[in-house]
Amino acid sequence: MKTTKFIGKVKLTKQGQLTLPLEARTDLTIDLNSELYWYEHNGNLILTKELVNEKELEKIIKKNASN
């Protein structure tokens, strides 16, 4: 099962806003009322649909890295 997929490029606006590409919103069923959560991990931003604690996020990253 493929766990990584390139969705697209976004540009940060002067107001600090990003637009989530349509493909990501569609694939992940993200609508206008969805809440998303940002994490920083080893210099990378990770966006999730679920609020998880840092230890759980580490487990998810390690599990997906081994696939």
C-alpha atoms as a PDB file:
ATOM      1  CA  MET A   1       0.000   0.000   0.000  1.00  0.00           C
ATOM      2  CA  LYS A   2       1.437   3.349  -1.032  1.00  0.00           C
ATOM      3  CA  THR A   3       1.462   5.800   1.887  1.00  0.00           C
ATOM      4  CA  THR A   4       3.003   8.869   0.242  1.00  0.00           C
ATOM      5  CA  LYS A   5       1.444  10.829  -2.607  1.00  0.00           C
ATOM      6  CA  PHE A   6       2.479  14.191  -4.041  1.00  0.00           C
ATOM      7  CA  ILE A   7      -0.593  16.432  -4.118  1.00  0.00           C
ATOM      8  CA  GLY A   8       0.736  19.771  -5.314  1.00  0.00           C
ATOM      9  CA  LYS A   9       2.472  22.989  -4.460  1.00  0.00           C
ATOM     10  CA  VAL A  10       1.015  25.810  -2.377  1.00  0.00           C
ATOM     11  CA  LYS A  11       2.132  29.370  -1.823  1.00  0.00           C
ATOM     12  CA  LEU A  12       1.931  31.246   1.455  1.00  0.00           C
ATOM     13  CA  THR A  13       0.034  34.544   1.122  1.00  0.00           C
ATOM     14  CA  LYS A  14       0.954  37.824   2.819  1.00  0.00           C
ATOM     15  CA  GLN A  15      -1.775  37.032   5.340  1.00  0.00           C
ATOM     16  CA  GLY A  16      -0.119  33.700   6.192  1.00  0.00           C
ATOM     17  CA  GLN A  17      -2.782  31.616   4.450  1.00  0.00           C
ATOM     18  CA  LEU A  18      -2.393  28.446   2.399  1.00  0.00           C
ATOM     19  CA  THR A  19      -4.874  26.833   0.021  1.00  0.00           C
ATOM     20  CA  LEU A  20      -5.265  23.087   0.404  1.00  0.00           C
ATOM     21  CA  PRO A  21      -5.349  21.599  -3.117  1.00  0.00           C
ATOM     22  CA  LEU A  22      -8.696  20.252  -4.326  1.00  0.00           C
ATOM     23  CA  GLU A  23      -7.258  16.761  -4.829  1.00  0.00           C
ATOM     24  CA  ALA A  24      -6.253  16.579  -1.165  1.00  0.00           C
ATOM     25  CA  ARG A  25      -9.640  17.879  -0.012  1.00  0.00           C
ATOM     26  CA  THR A  26     -11.418  15.350  -2.210  1.00  0.00           C
ATOM     27  CA  ASP A  27      -9.202  12.335  -1.434  1.00  0.00           C
ATOM     28  CA  LEU A  28      -9.310  12.980   2.308  1.00  0.00           C
ATOM     29  CA  THR A  29     -12.958  14.135   2.442  1.00  0.00           C
ATOM     30  CA  ILE A  30     -12.092  17.512   3.915  1.00  0.00           C
ATOM     31  CA  ASP A  31     -14.942  20.011   3.745  1.00  0.00           C
ATOM     32  CA  LEU A  32     -15.505  23.581   4.916  1.00  0.00           C
ATOM     33  CA  ASN A  33     -16.252  22.512   8.486  1.00  0.00           C
ATOM     34  CA  SER A  34     -13.247  20.218   8.849  1.00  0.00           C
ATOM     35  CA  GLU A  35     -10.635  20.959  11.467  1.00  0.00           C
ATOM     36  CA  LEU A  36      -7.018  20.160  10.608  1.00  0.00           C
ATOM     37  CA  TYR A  37      -3.990  19.984  12.872  1.00  0.00           C
ATOM     38  CA  TRP A  38      -0.385  20.999  12.133  1.00  0.00           C
ATOM     39  CA  TYR A  39       2.664  19.360  13.677  1.00  0.00           C
ATOM     40  CA  GLU A  40       6.367  20.032  13.170  1.00  0.00           C
ATOM     41  CA  HIS A  41       8.494  16.903  12.935  1.00  0.00           C
ATOM     42  CA  ASN A  42      12.225  17.062  12.178  1.00  0.00           C
ATOM     43  CA  GLY A  43      11.851  20.323  10.258  1.00  0.00           C
ATOM     44  CA  ASN A  44       8.787  19.165   8.312  1.00  0.00           C
ATOM     45  CA  LEU A  45       5.178  20.253   8.660  1.00  0.00           C
ATOM     46  CA  ILE A  46       2.652  17.465   9.028  1.00  0.00           C
ATOM     47  CA  LEU A  47      -1.053  18.131   8.554  1.00  0.00           C
ATOM     48  CA  THR A  48      -3.530  15.672  10.042  1.00  0.00           C
ATOM     49  CA  LYS A  49      -7.298  15.304  10.188  1.00  0.00           C
ATOM     50  CA  GLU A  50      -7.128  13.943  13.718  1.00  0.00           C
ATOM     51  CA  LEU A  51      -5.715  15.504  16.862  1.00  0.00           C
ATOM     52  CA  VAL A  52      -3.051  13.133  18.168  1.00  0.00           C
ATOM     53  CA  ASN A  53      -0.472  13.449  20.896  1.00  0.00           C
ATOM     54  CA  GLU A  54       3.182  13.711  19.914  1.00  0.00           C
ATOM     55  CA  LYS A  55       4.035  10.145  20.927  1.00  0.00           C
ATOM     56  CA  GLU A  56       1.197   8.733  18.826  1.00  0.00           C
ATOM     57  CA  LEU A  57       2.306  10.849  15.863  1.00  0.00           C
ATOM     58  CA  GLU A  58       5.848   9.458  16.230  1.00  0.00           C
ATOM     59  CA  LYS A  59       4.426   5.911  16.115  1.00  0.00           C
ATOM     60  CA  ILE A  60       2.388   6.720  12.983  1.00  0.00           C
ATOM     61  CA  ILE A  61       5.435   8.225  11.251  1.00  0.00           C
ATOM     62  CA  LYS A  62       7.652   5.253  12.128  1.00  0.00           C
ATOM     63  CA  LYS A  63       4.986   2.769  11.011  1.00  0.00           C
ATOM     64  CA  ASN A  64       4.522   4.536   7.663  1.00  0.00           C
ATOM     65  CA  ALA A  65       8.278   4.879   7.151  1.00  0.00           C
ATOM     66  CA  SER A  66       8.697   1.119   7.370  1.00  0.00           C
ATOM     67  CA  ASN A  67       6.031   0.438   4.692  1.00  0.00           C
END
